Amino acid sequence: MATPPNSTGTPHIAVVEPQMEELFHAPFNAALLHTTVLAHPGASVSFQAFPAHSRIVREILSQHDPVLADSIDWRIVPLPSAKSSFERFLEARRFIRAAASSSDRVLFTSISRMQLLHLKRFLGSHPRYTVRAVLHGDLDRIGLKTKERFPNNLFPLERVLNSPHPGNLRYLLLSESIRQSIPAAFRAALAESAAIDHPYHFPPIDTVAPAQLSFGVFGNSGEAQLLEQVARSVKAIDPAVRFSLVGFVSRKETVDRLDPLIEGVTHIPIDRDTFIQRAHNISHALWLAPPNSFRLRASGTFFDALAYGKPLIYTANPYIDPYYAAEPAIGVRCETIDDVPSAILQATRGYNPAQYVEAQQAMQRLRHRFTPQQQAPGLARALNW
């Protein structure tokens, strides 16, 4: 799979995406790969991923730094071919062992529970390899009772995390708030971890204040019950207020329910061009979730709001709150979902174009901290190679 570790005498870092296909996580992986190269100027860097994913990551990175993109050794990984659960188990084990031994320093940009179990077992008997792994949304499930199908029910995250931890493995978490929110019962299992902010490549912000306001929700809204609650409450007072979906919902039945209230509702994931067009057409981003959500995971839709410069109206949560505290002009924090309708109505009644531009300027300042250039020193410390 790879060149033997340090065969040229130059320090080498193998960055590996072991599970994502196509566009999934591609913007994050492009930004993390960019940050890794900047954090280690004396090292060569390779990226191992499935064909389409590798191509998309390279395209994104080339848009921001083509010279840096060309300096990376792009290594294509064949798509999984196993059919049965047992075959997939063995295929995952072979892949993880090969990837973890492809360099003295390996960074997994994501990892499944089964892959993590294989990785911990391999590293326990191979101390020469130093491996770091980014933990994503799975972490949000620890401590929750969920019913899962075979074979996932054989590898509950709690069991994997509490299995013996090799000294040459460290976890990377995507905010300090996540690290601070780890439940007490799992702090020992996650003691060997470090945090950075989620790196991101941002496009320019359209700084023209909108003539008409529209409130949009990014991403997969599922059943969209909170959005429906907010839209009904607002429209009962002011039917002219517009809501839009910059994404999709889970089912056709949800489309039928929301269609009278929300523009652009679909249960089919929208293409990238449609997403960008709808994102530009809204004036404000709504971020709606139950209390205590996003304790242990980053929010991609928060970065969508930052990327398109849409002032935020959001329900309080541990992930966004620290960033809001740093730049409170980015929008409005609502303690509960019941406070959101009044925030929307206040935004429409008291709309001030100059204040809107000030919110976008605050978003510009906040965006700066997530750039690969700003994140590189922190990543170098977190990886601790």
Protein backbone atom coordinates (compact mmCIF):
# COMPACT_ATOMS: atom_id res chain seq x y z
CA MET A 1 0.00 0.00 0.00
CA ALA A 2 2.79 2.43 0.73
CA THR A 3 6.48 3.20 0.65
CA PRO A 4 8.33 1.72 3.65
CA PRO A 5 8.54 4.21 6.54
CA ASN A 6 11.28 6.80 6.11
CA SER A 7 12.83 4.92 3.17
CA THR A 8 14.15 8.23 1.77
CA GLY A 9 15.37 9.58 5.10
CA THR A 10 12.74 12.33 5.00
CA PRO A 11 10.05 12.29 7.71
CA HIS A 12 6.84 11.04 6.19
CA ILE A 13 3.23 11.43 7.34
CA ALA A 14 0.57 9.12 5.89
CA VAL A 15 -2.88 10.73 6.05
CA VAL A 16 -5.56 8.07 5.59
CA GLU A 17 -9.32 8.28 5.00
CA PRO A 18 -10.47 4.70 5.71
CA GLN A 19 -14.22 4.85 5.08
CA MET A 20 -15.62 7.97 3.36
CA GLU A 21 -16.62 7.88 -0.30
CA GLU A 22 -17.43 10.54 -2.89
CA LEU A 23 -18.09 14.00 -1.35
CA PHE A 24 -18.66 12.86 2.26
CA HIS A 25 -16.15 14.65 4.54
CA ALA A 26 -14.18 15.81 1.49
CA PRO A 27 -14.13 19.53 2.50
CA PHE A 28 -12.94 18.59 5.99
CA ASN A 29 -10.31 16.18 4.70
CA ALA A 30 -9.01 18.77 2.22
CA ALA A 31 -8.66 21.34 5.00
CA LEU A 32 -7.09 18.87 7.44
CA LEU A 33 -4.65 17.68 4.78
CA HIS A 34 -3.74 21.30 4.04
CA THR A 35 -3.25 21.97 7.75
CA THR A 36 -1.10 18.84 8.17
CA VAL A 37 1.30 19.92 5.42
CA LEU A 38 1.60 23.43 6.89
CA ALA A 39 2.14 21.99 10.38
CA HIS A 40 5.06 19.82 9.22
CA PRO A 41 7.06 21.78 6.63
CA GLY A 42 9.99 19.36 6.69
CA ALA A 43 7.94 16.21 6.07
CA SER A 44 6.56 14.53 2.98
CA VAL A 45 2.83 13.85 3.13
CA SER A 46 0.69 11.23 1.38
CA PHE A 47 -3.09 10.84 1.23
CA GLN A 48 -4.72 7.42 0.96
CA ALA A 49 -8.42 7.27 0.06
CA PHE A 50 -10.97 5.69 -2.27
CA PRO A 51 -10.78 6.90 -5.90
CA ALA A 52 -13.66 9.40 -6.15
CA HIS A 53 -13.04 10.76 -2.66
CA SER A 54 -9.36 11.28 -3.38
CA ARG A 55 -10.19 13.10 -6.62
CA ILE A 56 -12.65 15.46 -4.90
CA VAL A 57 -10.25 16.20 -2.01
CA ARG A 58 -7.49 16.98 -4.50
CA GLU A 59 -9.81 19.29 -6.51
CA ILE A 60 -10.81 21.21 -3.37
CA LEU A 61 -7.23 21.55 -2.17
CA SER A 62 -6.03 22.61 -5.63
CA GLN A 63 -8.52 25.49 -5.59
CA HIS A 64 -6.86 26.89 -2.45
CA ASP A 65 -3.18 25.98 -2.90
CA PRO A 66 -2.34 24.16 -6.17
CA VAL A 67 1.39 24.03 -5.42
CA LEU A 68 0.77 22.40 -2.04
CA ALA A 69 -1.73 19.98 -3.61
CA ASP A 70 0.87 18.89 -6.16
CA SER A 71 3.40 18.24 -3.38
CA ILE A 72 1.21 15.49 -1.86
CA ASP A 73 1.64 11.84 -2.79
CA TRP A 74 -1.92 10.81 -3.77
CA ARG A 75 -2.41 7.07 -3.18
CA ILE A 76 -5.61 5.43 -4.38
CA VAL A 77 -7.21 2.72 -2.24
CA PRO A 78 -9.50 0.15 -3.95
CA LEU A 79 -13.13 0.19 -2.87
CA PRO A 80 -14.14 -2.58 -0.44
CA SER A 81 -15.27 -5.75 -2.18
CA ALA A 82 -16.34 -7.97 0.72
CA LYS A 83 -19.96 -9.10 0.78
CA SER A 84 -20.59 -10.97 4.04
CA SER A 85 -20.18 -9.49 7.51
CA PHE A 86 -17.27 -11.81 8.28
CA GLU A 87 -15.53 -10.92 5.01
CA ARG A 88 -15.96 -7.21 5.78
CA PHE A 89 -14.47 -7.79 9.22
CA LEU A 90 -11.40 -9.45 7.73
CA GLU A 91 -11.09 -6.88 4.94
CA ALA A 92 -11.23 -4.03 7.47
CA ARG A 93 -8.54 -5.69 9.56
CA ARG A 94 -6.23 -6.09 6.57
CA PHE A 95 -6.79 -2.49 5.50
CA ILE A 96 -6.17 -1.01 8.95
CA ARG A 97 -3.01 -3.04 9.49
CA ALA A 98 -1.62 -2.00 6.11
CA ALA A 99 -2.52 1.67 6.59
CA ALA A 100 -1.21 1.86 10.16
CA SER A 101 2.13 0.38 9.09
CA SER A 102 2.50 2.53 5.94
CA SER A 103 4.58 5.12 7.80
CA ASP A 104 6.09 5.83 11.20
CA ARG A 105 3.45 8.59 11.50
CA VAL A 106 -0.13 7.94 10.42
CA LEU A 107 -3.17 10.20 10.73
CA PHE A 108 -6.62 8.67 10.19
CA THR A 109 -9.04 11.45 9.21
CA SER A 110 -11.96 9.34 10.44
CA ILE A 111 -12.40 5.81 11.75
CA SER A 112 -15.30 3.46 12.33
CA ARG A 113 -15.77 1.52 15.55
CA MET A 114 -14.73 -1.78 13.97
CA GLN A 115 -11.69 -0.14 12.38
CA LEU A 116 -10.72 1.43 15.70
CA LEU A 117 -10.91 -1.95 17.42
CA HIS A 118 -8.60 -3.44 14.76
CA LEU A 119 -6.26 -0.45 15.09
CA LYS A 120 -5.95 -0.71 18.86
CA ARG A 121 -5.22 -4.42 18.68
CA PHE A 122 -2.58 -3.92 15.96
CA LEU A 123 -0.80 -1.02 17.67
CA GLY A 124 -0.65 -2.89 20.96
CA SER A 125 1.88 -5.27 19.43
CA HIS A 126 3.57 -2.79 17.04
CA PRO A 127 4.91 0.11 19.14
CA ARG A 128 7.15 1.54 16.37
CA TYR A 129 4.17 3.12 14.58
CA THR A 130 2.72 6.37 15.91
CA VAL A 131 -0.92 6.82 14.98
CA ARG A 132 -3.47 9.60 15.45
CA ALA A 133 -7.18 9.25 14.67
CA VAL A 134 -9.92 11.88 14.36
CA LEU A 135 -13.13 10.97 16.21
CA HIS A 136 -16.28 12.35 14.59
CA GLY A 137 -20.02 11.93 15.21
CA ASP A 138 -19.88 8.43 16.69
CA LEU A 139 -18.56 9.96 19.89
CA ASP A 140 -21.95 11.64 20.44
CA ARG A 141 -23.48 8.20 21.08
CA ILE A 142 -21.48 7.20 24.12
CA GLY A 143 -23.66 6.64 27.15
CA LEU A 144 -26.82 6.38 25.01
CA LYS A 145 -28.84 3.19 24.71
CA THR A 146 -29.45 2.50 21.03
CA LYS A 147 -30.67 -0.57 19.16
CA GLU A 148 -28.33 -1.48 16.34
CA ARG A 149 -28.32 -4.19 13.72
CA PHE A 150 -25.78 -6.96 13.37
CA PRO A 151 -22.79 -6.66 13.03
CA ASN A 152 -22.63 -3.12 14.49
CA ASN A 153 -24.15 -4.40 17.74
CA LEU A 154 -21.01 -6.51 18.20
CA PHE A 155 -18.87 -3.38 18.40
CA PRO A 156 -20.56 -0.84 20.69
CA LEU A 157 -18.43 2.27 20.94
CA GLU A 158 -18.20 1.94 24.71
CA ARG A 159 -16.61 -1.49 24.35
CA VAL A 160 -14.15 -0.27 21.74
CA LEU A 161 -13.10 2.80 23.72
CA ASN A 162 -12.69 0.82 26.94
CA SER A 163 -10.56 -1.88 25.31
CA PRO A 164 -6.81 -1.65 26.14
CA HIS A 165 -5.37 1.60 24.81
CA PRO A 166 -1.93 1.41 23.17
CA GLY A 167 0.54 4.11 24.11
CA ASN A 168 1.23 4.96 20.46
CA LEU A 169 -2.38 6.01 19.70
CA ARG A 170 -3.83 9.46 20.31
CA TYR A 171 -7.30 10.76 19.44
CA LEU A 172 -7.95 14.11 17.78
CA LEU A 173 -11.15 15.93 18.77
CA LEU A 174 -12.61 18.81 16.79
CA SER A 175 -13.00 21.41 19.54
CA GLU A 176 -11.96 22.01 23.11
CA SER A 177 -15.65 22.01 24.07
CA ILE A 178 -15.89 18.38 22.94
CA ARG A 179 -12.90 17.42 25.06
CA GLN A 180 -14.38 19.20 28.07
CA SER A 181 -17.78 17.51 27.57
CA ILE A 182 -16.54 13.92 27.69
CA PRO A 183 -18.64 12.09 30.30
CA ALA A 184 -16.81 11.20 33.50
CA ALA A 185 -17.22 7.47 32.84
CA PHE A 186 -15.16 7.77 29.62
CA ARG A 187 -12.49 10.30 30.59
CA ALA A 188 -9.95 7.59 31.33
CA ALA A 189 -10.64 5.86 27.98
CA LEU A 190 -10.24 9.18 26.14
CA ALA A 191 -7.43 10.58 28.27
CA GLU A 192 -4.97 10.32 25.40
CA SER A 193 -6.64 12.94 23.21
CA ALA A 194 -6.08 16.49 22.05
CA ALA A 195 -8.32 19.13 20.50
CA ILE A 196 -8.10 21.53 17.60
CA ASP A 197 -10.73 23.64 15.91
CA HIS A 198 -12.32 22.11 12.82
CA PRO A 199 -10.15 23.37 9.90
CA TYR A 200 -12.08 24.80 6.96
CA HIS A 201 -11.59 26.40 3.55
CA PHE A 202 -13.97 29.34 3.24
CA PRO A 203 -15.22 30.97 0.01
CA PRO A 204 -15.57 34.77 -0.17
CA ILE A 205 -18.65 36.22 1.52
CA ASP A 206 -21.22 38.10 -0.55
CA THR A 207 -21.28 41.29 1.52
CA VAL A 208 -24.26 42.93 -0.18
CA ALA A 209 -27.01 43.34 2.40
CA PRO A 210 -30.18 41.57 1.19
CA ALA A 211 -33.22 43.52 0.12
CA GLN A 212 -35.54 40.77 1.39
CA LEU A 213 -35.07 38.47 4.37
CA SER A 214 -35.35 34.69 4.21
CA PHE A 215 -34.50 32.22 6.97
CA GLY A 216 -32.86 28.96 5.92
CA VAL A 217 -31.77 25.67 7.43
CA PHE A 218 -28.69 23.88 6.07
CA GLY A 219 -28.16 20.16 5.62
CA ASN A 220 -30.22 17.09 6.47
CA SER A 221 -33.17 18.22 8.59
CA GLY A 222 -34.57 14.74 9.21
CA GLU A 223 -38.21 15.04 10.23
CA ALA A 224 -37.71 18.83 10.62
CA GLN A 225 -40.05 18.99 13.59
CA LEU A 226 -38.28 21.94 15.20
CA LEU A 227 -38.26 23.87 11.92
CA GLU A 228 -41.97 23.19 11.49
CA GLN A 229 -42.65 24.37 15.05
CA VAL A 230 -40.75 27.61 14.47
CA ALA A 231 -42.25 28.30 11.04
CA ARG A 232 -45.83 27.77 12.26
CA SER A 233 -45.29 30.04 15.25
CA VAL A 234 -43.80 32.83 13.12
CA LYS A 235 -46.32 32.61 10.29
CA ALA A 236 -49.20 32.71 12.77
CA ILE A 237 -48.04 36.27 13.53
CA ASP A 238 -46.52 37.31 10.19
CA PRO A 239 -47.42 35.05 7.21
CA ALA A 240 -45.05 36.99 4.94
CA VAL A 241 -41.88 35.69 6.63
CA ARG A 242 -40.07 33.28 4.29
CA PHE A 243 -38.38 30.01 5.24
CA SER A 244 -36.20 27.90 2.98
CA LEU A 245 -34.47 24.54 3.08
CA VAL A 246 -30.85 24.47 1.94
CA GLY A 247 -30.72 20.70 2.01
CA PHE A 248 -33.33 17.98 2.40
CA VAL A 249 -35.61 16.08 4.80
CA SER A 250 -35.84 12.37 5.49
CA ARG A 251 -39.13 11.28 3.92
CA LYS A 252 -41.73 12.17 1.30
CA GLU A 253 -44.34 12.44 4.08
CA THR A 254 -42.23 15.17 5.69
CA VAL A 255 -42.19 17.05 2.39
CA ASP A 256 -45.98 17.01 2.24
CA ARG A 257 -46.20 18.28 5.81
CA LEU A 258 -43.74 21.14 5.35
CA ASP A 259 -44.53 22.21 1.80
CA PRO A 260 -47.08 24.91 2.80
CA LEU A 261 -44.56 26.45 5.22
CA ILE A 262 -41.07 26.02 3.75
CA GLU A 263 -39.69 26.74 0.29
CA GLY A 264 -37.63 24.13 -1.55
CA VAL A 265 -38.56 21.12 0.57
CA THR A 266 -37.37 17.80 -0.86
CA HIS A 267 -36.51 14.37 0.50
CA ILE A 268 -33.85 13.87 -2.18
CA PRO A 269 -30.35 15.21 -1.42
CA ILE A 270 -29.77 18.28 -3.59
CA ASP A 271 -26.76 18.66 -5.87
CA ARG A 272 -23.90 21.02 -5.11
CA ASP A 273 -24.98 23.74 -7.55
CA THR A 274 -28.50 23.82 -6.11
CA PHE A 275 -27.09 23.92 -2.59
CA ILE A 276 -24.89 26.92 -3.43
CA GLN A 277 -27.75 28.76 -5.15
CA ARG A 278 -30.12 28.26 -2.22
CA ALA A 279 -27.41 29.22 0.27
CA HIS A 280 -26.87 32.53 -1.52
CA ASN A 281 -30.62 33.22 -1.60
CA ILE A 282 -31.21 33.13 2.16
CA SER A 283 -30.36 36.04 4.43
CA HIS A 284 -30.11 34.23 7.80
CA ALA A 285 -29.20 30.72 8.90
CA LEU A 286 -31.29 28.90 11.48
CA TRP A 287 -29.54 26.31 13.64
CA LEU A 288 -32.15 24.33 15.59
CA ALA A 289 -31.52 21.41 17.92
CA PRO A 290 -32.75 20.04 21.26
CA PRO A 291 -30.97 21.15 24.45
CA ASN A 292 -27.54 19.62 25.09
CA SER A 293 -27.11 18.56 21.46
CA PHE A 294 -23.63 18.63 19.93
CA ARG A 295 -21.78 18.08 23.18
CA LEU A 296 -19.44 15.55 21.56
CA ARG A 297 -19.48 16.37 17.87
CA ALA A 298 -18.78 19.28 15.55
CA SER A 299 -21.55 20.88 13.50
CA GLY A 300 -21.10 21.01 9.75
CA THR A 301 -24.15 23.24 9.33
CA PHE A 302 -22.54 25.83 11.61
CA PHE A 303 -19.68 25.98 9.13
CA ASP A 304 -22.16 26.28 6.26
CA ALA A 305 -23.51 29.45 7.91
CA LEU A 306 -19.98 30.81 8.33
CA ALA A 307 -19.00 29.82 4.80
CA TYR A 308 -21.85 31.76 3.21
CA GLY A 309 -21.77 34.62 5.69
CA LYS A 310 -25.35 34.17 6.91
CA PRO A 311 -26.00 35.71 10.35
CA LEU A 312 -27.04 32.97 12.73
CA ILE A 313 -30.12 32.45 14.89
CA TYR A 314 -29.38 29.35 16.94
CA THR A 315 -30.45 27.38 19.97
CA ALA A 316 -27.86 27.26 22.73
CA ASN A 317 -25.50 24.28 22.60
CA PRO A 318 -22.04 23.39 23.92
CA TYR A 319 -20.37 23.37 20.50
CA ILE A 320 -21.38 26.76 19.08
CA ASP A 321 -21.58 28.68 22.37
CA PRO A 322 -17.79 29.21 22.80
CA TYR A 323 -17.49 30.57 19.26
CA TYR A 324 -20.49 32.84 19.80
CA ALA A 325 -18.88 34.12 23.01
CA ALA A 326 -15.79 35.05 20.98
CA GLU A 327 -17.82 36.95 18.35
CA PRO A 328 -21.38 37.61 19.63
CA ALA A 329 -22.18 39.87 16.69
CA ILE A 330 -22.45 36.81 14.39
CA GLY A 331 -26.10 36.43 15.31
CA VAL A 332 -28.61 35.68 18.06
CA ARG A 333 -28.35 32.98 20.72
CA CYS A 334 -31.71 31.56 21.87
CA GLU A 335 -31.84 29.71 25.15
CA THR A 336 -34.56 27.33 23.91
CA ILE A 337 -36.47 26.58 20.72
CA ASP A 338 -39.39 28.61 22.12
CA ASP A 339 -37.25 31.75 21.89
CA VAL A 340 -36.48 31.36 18.19
CA PRO A 341 -39.75 32.74 16.72
CA SER A 342 -39.40 36.04 18.58
CA ALA A 343 -35.77 36.34 17.41
CA ILE A 344 -36.90 35.88 13.81
CA LEU A 345 -39.72 38.39 14.14
CA GLN A 346 -37.33 40.89 15.74
CA ALA A 347 -34.91 40.41 12.84
CA THR A 348 -37.64 41.19 10.31
CA ARG A 349 -39.14 44.16 12.17
CA GLY A 350 -35.86 45.74 13.19
CA TYR A 351 -33.85 44.94 10.06
CA ASN A 352 -30.88 47.27 9.70
CA PRO A 353 -28.60 46.77 6.64
CA ALA A 354 -25.60 48.28 8.47
CA GLN A 355 -26.08 45.90 11.39
CA TYR A 356 -26.33 43.01 8.94
CA VAL A 357 -22.96 43.93 7.44
CA GLU A 358 -21.50 44.15 10.95
CA ALA A 359 -22.68 40.58 11.57
CA GLN A 360 -20.93 39.45 8.41
CA GLN A 361 -17.75 41.24 9.46
CA ALA A 362 -17.88 39.37 12.78
CA MET A 363 -18.24 36.12 10.84
CA GLN A 364 -15.20 37.05 8.78
CA ARG A 365 -13.17 37.51 11.96
CA LEU A 366 -14.39 34.20 13.38
CA ARG A 367 -13.70 32.35 10.13
CA HIS A 368 -10.05 33.33 10.36
CA ARG A 369 -9.41 31.05 13.34
CA PHE A 370 -10.50 27.95 11.37
CA THR A 371 -8.18 28.44 8.38
CA PRO A 372 -5.40 25.88 7.84
CA GLN A 373 -2.83 28.64 8.36
CA GLN A 374 -4.21 29.43 11.82
CA GLN A 375 -4.81 25.80 12.78
CA ALA A 376 -1.38 24.48 11.75
CA PRO A 377 0.53 25.33 14.98
CA GLY A 378 -2.23 23.83 17.13
CA LEU A 379 -2.36 20.69 15.00
CA ALA A 380 1.39 20.21 15.35
CA ARG A 381 1.02 20.38 19.14
CA ALA A 382 -2.03 18.10 19.16
CA LEU A 383 -0.38 15.42 17.02
CA ASN A 384 2.74 15.62 19.22
CA TRP A 385 5.06 13.77 16.84
